[in-house]
Amino acid sequence: MNVAQAEEALVTARAEAARQKRAEAVAEVKRLSAQGSAMRLELEQIIPTVMQAERDRLALHGQLHNAMRQISHYSAPLDPLKFPSKKDHAEHAHQLALWQARQKELLVQHADAVRRESGRLRGIELQSELVRLSHSIANWTAIAEGRMPGEIVGGVYTVGEDFLGHTDRRFS
């Protein structure tokens, strides 16, 4: 085998290796894309639940604050200078019991809203993983196209518009 044949065999081997590398990159892009699709679907299901739970929790916060103020008000004894009757005392105690019961209901609802809102952590994890997957897909796509990851296609001079979206008419 002479040098020319060896060089030709080397070029053929390199071309085959590059083709194989591109085929593997295409397969990896498809795999990552399917994985990302499943994650995106899970994220889209989490978002409305978390947003509704957040709205519920924020609405309950104001109601809980009001209940605490009412309990504080009805926990204080009646002013003896207003000469309260037994009926006034009974009504005062009844209102205190009602507000304490209402506060317990609100606390249960608040705990449920917090529990439902805890899905936010899973959403953050999914979002971070989707960003990581998108970067991986971009890198594998570059390899599938025969480029190196991070290699810029084109350049500054290939842009046909300025930052406002106008085409450059100076040279037409």
Protein backbone atom coordinates (compact mmCIF):
# COMPACT_ATOMS: atom_id res chain seq x y z
CA MET A 1 0.00 0.00 0.00
CA ASN A 2 1.43 3.31 -0.99
CA VAL A 3 1.03 6.69 0.70
CA ALA A 4 -1.80 7.87 -1.57
CA GLN A 5 -3.85 4.77 -0.82
CA ALA A 6 -3.20 5.12 2.91
CA GLU A 7 -4.26 8.78 2.82
CA GLU A 8 -7.40 7.87 0.87
CA ALA A 9 -8.20 5.11 3.39
CA LEU A 10 -7.65 7.60 6.23
CA VAL A 11 -9.99 10.16 4.62
CA THR A 12 -12.62 7.46 4.11
CA ALA A 13 -12.27 6.28 7.70
CA ARG A 14 -12.55 9.84 9.01
CA ALA A 15 -15.63 10.49 6.86
CA GLU A 16 -17.24 7.29 8.14
CA ALA A 17 -16.41 8.21 11.73
CA ALA A 18 -17.88 11.70 11.22
CA ARG A 19 -21.02 10.20 9.65
CA GLN A 20 -21.38 7.79 12.57
CA LYS A 21 -20.86 10.63 15.06
CA ARG A 22 -23.57 12.69 13.31
CA ALA A 23 -25.97 9.71 13.32
CA GLU A 24 -25.37 9.21 17.05
CA ALA A 25 -25.96 12.92 17.64
CA VAL A 26 -29.29 12.78 15.76
CA ALA A 27 -30.36 9.82 17.91
CA GLU A 28 -29.34 11.68 21.07
CA VAL A 29 -31.30 14.78 19.98
CA LYS A 30 -34.40 12.62 19.49
CA ARG A 31 -33.94 10.96 22.88
CA LEU A 32 -33.43 14.27 24.71
CA SER A 33 -36.35 15.84 22.87
CA ALA A 34 -38.68 13.03 23.95
CA GLN A 35 -37.42 13.36 27.53
CA GLY A 36 -37.97 17.12 27.43
CA SER A 37 -41.45 16.69 26.00
CA ALA A 38 -42.47 14.49 28.92
CA MET A 39 -40.98 16.99 31.38
CA ARG A 40 -42.73 19.91 29.70
CA LEU A 41 -46.06 18.07 29.90
CA GLU A 42 -45.54 17.46 33.63
CA LEU A 43 -44.58 21.12 34.12
CA GLU A 44 -47.68 22.31 32.26
CA GLN A 45 -49.81 20.23 34.62
CA ILE A 46 -48.07 21.59 37.72
CA ILE A 47 -48.27 25.29 36.82
CA PRO A 48 -52.07 25.82 37.08
CA THR A 49 -52.25 23.88 40.36
CA VAL A 50 -49.45 25.90 41.92
CA MET A 51 -50.82 29.22 40.67
CA GLN A 52 -54.32 28.48 42.04
CA ALA A 53 -52.83 27.34 45.35
CA GLU A 54 -50.85 30.56 45.55
CA ARG A 55 -53.97 32.64 44.92
CA ASP A 56 -55.86 30.64 47.56
CA ARG A 57 -53.06 31.02 50.10
CA LEU A 58 -52.83 34.77 49.55
CA ALA A 59 -56.60 35.19 49.86
CA LEU A 60 -56.64 33.12 53.04
CA HIS A 61 -53.84 35.21 54.51
CA GLY A 62 -56.08 38.28 54.66
CA GLN A 63 -58.95 36.28 56.12
CA LEU A 64 -56.66 34.77 58.76
CA HIS A 65 -55.40 38.22 59.66
CA ASN A 66 -58.98 39.43 60.07
CA ALA A 67 -59.85 36.39 62.20
CA MET A 68 -56.84 37.06 64.44
CA ARG A 69 -57.93 40.69 64.91
CA GLN A 70 -61.49 39.61 65.76
CA ILE A 71 -60.24 36.98 68.23
CA SER A 72 -58.00 39.61 69.83
CA HIS A 73 -60.97 41.97 70.08
CA TYR A 74 -63.37 39.38 71.55
CA SER A 75 -60.70 37.97 73.89
CA ALA A 76 -60.58 41.28 75.73
CA PRO A 77 -63.15 41.64 78.51
CA LEU A 78 -66.07 43.98 77.99
CA ASP A 79 -65.70 47.51 79.29
CA PRO A 80 -67.32 47.61 82.73
CA LEU A 81 -68.02 51.33 82.31
CA LYS A 82 -70.56 50.45 79.59
CA PHE A 83 -72.48 48.29 82.09
CA PRO A 84 -72.67 45.12 79.98
CA SER A 85 -75.52 42.74 80.69
CA LYS A 86 -75.32 38.95 80.95
CA LYS A 87 -76.68 38.86 77.40
CA ASP A 88 -73.81 41.11 76.25
CA HIS A 89 -71.30 38.82 77.99
CA ALA A 90 -72.89 35.75 76.43
CA GLU A 91 -72.90 37.32 72.96
CA HIS A 92 -69.28 38.39 73.42
CA ALA A 93 -68.25 34.83 74.38
CA HIS A 94 -70.31 33.40 71.51
CA GLN A 95 -68.60 35.70 68.97
CA LEU A 96 -65.20 34.68 70.37
CA ALA A 97 -66.07 30.98 69.92
CA LEU A 98 -67.32 31.62 66.36
CA TRP A 99 -64.15 33.47 65.38
CA GLN A 100 -61.94 30.79 66.92
CA ALA A 101 -63.82 28.11 64.95
CA ARG A 102 -63.51 30.21 61.79
CA GLN A 103 -59.78 30.58 62.40
CA LYS A 104 -59.42 26.79 62.69
CA GLU A 105 -61.25 26.34 59.36
CA LEU A 106 -59.05 28.93 57.72
CA LEU A 107 -55.89 27.32 59.09
CA VAL A 108 -56.92 23.95 57.62
CA GLN A 109 -57.61 25.59 54.25
CA HIS A 110 -54.31 27.49 54.46
CA ALA A 111 -52.37 24.29 55.20
CA ASP A 112 -54.02 22.64 52.19
CA ALA A 113 -53.09 25.59 49.96
CA VAL A 114 -49.49 25.46 51.20
CA ARG A 115 -49.39 21.71 50.52
CA ARG A 116 -50.70 22.22 46.98
CA GLU A 117 -48.29 25.09 46.41
CA SER A 118 -45.34 22.91 47.42
CA GLY A 119 -45.44 21.56 43.85
CA ARG A 120 -43.56 24.74 42.96
CA LEU A 121 -40.30 23.05 43.97
CA ARG A 122 -40.89 20.24 41.47
CA GLY A 123 -41.74 22.88 38.86
CA ILE A 124 -38.46 24.69 39.50
CA GLU A 125 -36.56 21.41 39.16
CA LEU A 126 -38.35 20.63 35.90
CA GLN A 127 -37.72 24.12 34.53
CA SER A 128 -34.01 23.89 35.34
CA GLU A 129 -33.80 20.46 33.75
CA LEU A 130 -35.59 21.73 30.63
CA VAL A 131 -33.05 24.55 30.31
CA ARG A 132 -30.23 22.04 30.68
CA LEU A 133 -31.85 19.78 28.08
CA SER A 134 -32.25 22.66 25.64
CA HIS A 135 -28.53 23.42 25.90
CA SER A 136 -27.69 19.74 25.41
CA ILE A 137 -29.98 19.55 22.39
CA ALA A 138 -28.33 22.65 20.92
CA ASN A 139 -24.91 21.04 21.36
CA TRP A 140 -25.99 17.70 19.90
CA THR A 141 -27.69 19.50 17.00
CA ALA A 142 -24.44 21.27 16.22
CA ILE A 143 -22.65 17.91 16.16
CA ALA A 144 -25.40 16.41 13.97
CA GLU A 145 -24.90 19.29 11.53
CA GLY A 146 -21.16 18.68 11.44
CA ARG A 147 -20.22 21.68 13.58
CA MET A 148 -18.55 21.91 16.96
CA PRO A 149 -20.77 22.77 19.96
CA GLY A 150 -20.75 26.51 20.52
CA GLU A 151 -19.55 27.26 17.02
CA ILE A 152 -21.36 30.29 15.64
CA VAL A 153 -23.05 29.82 12.30
CA GLY A 154 -22.78 32.86 10.07
CA GLY A 155 -21.62 35.90 11.95
CA VAL A 156 -22.25 39.55 12.56
CA TYR A 157 -22.42 40.36 8.88
CA THR A 158 -25.19 37.89 8.09
CA VAL A 159 -27.83 39.91 9.96
CA GLY A 160 -30.11 41.68 7.53
CA GLU A 161 -31.87 43.87 10.08
CA ASP A 162 -30.83 46.37 12.72
CA PHE A 163 -31.98 46.15 16.32
CA LEU A 164 -35.27 47.88 15.45
CA GLY A 165 -36.10 45.32 12.77
CA HIS A 166 -35.31 47.53 9.78
CA THR A 167 -33.35 46.12 6.89
CA ASP A 168 -30.09 47.83 6.04
CA ARG A 169 -30.87 49.87 2.92
CA ARG A 170 -27.55 51.71 2.74
CA PHE A 171 -26.11 49.19 0.33
CA SER A 172 -29.12 48.51 -1.91
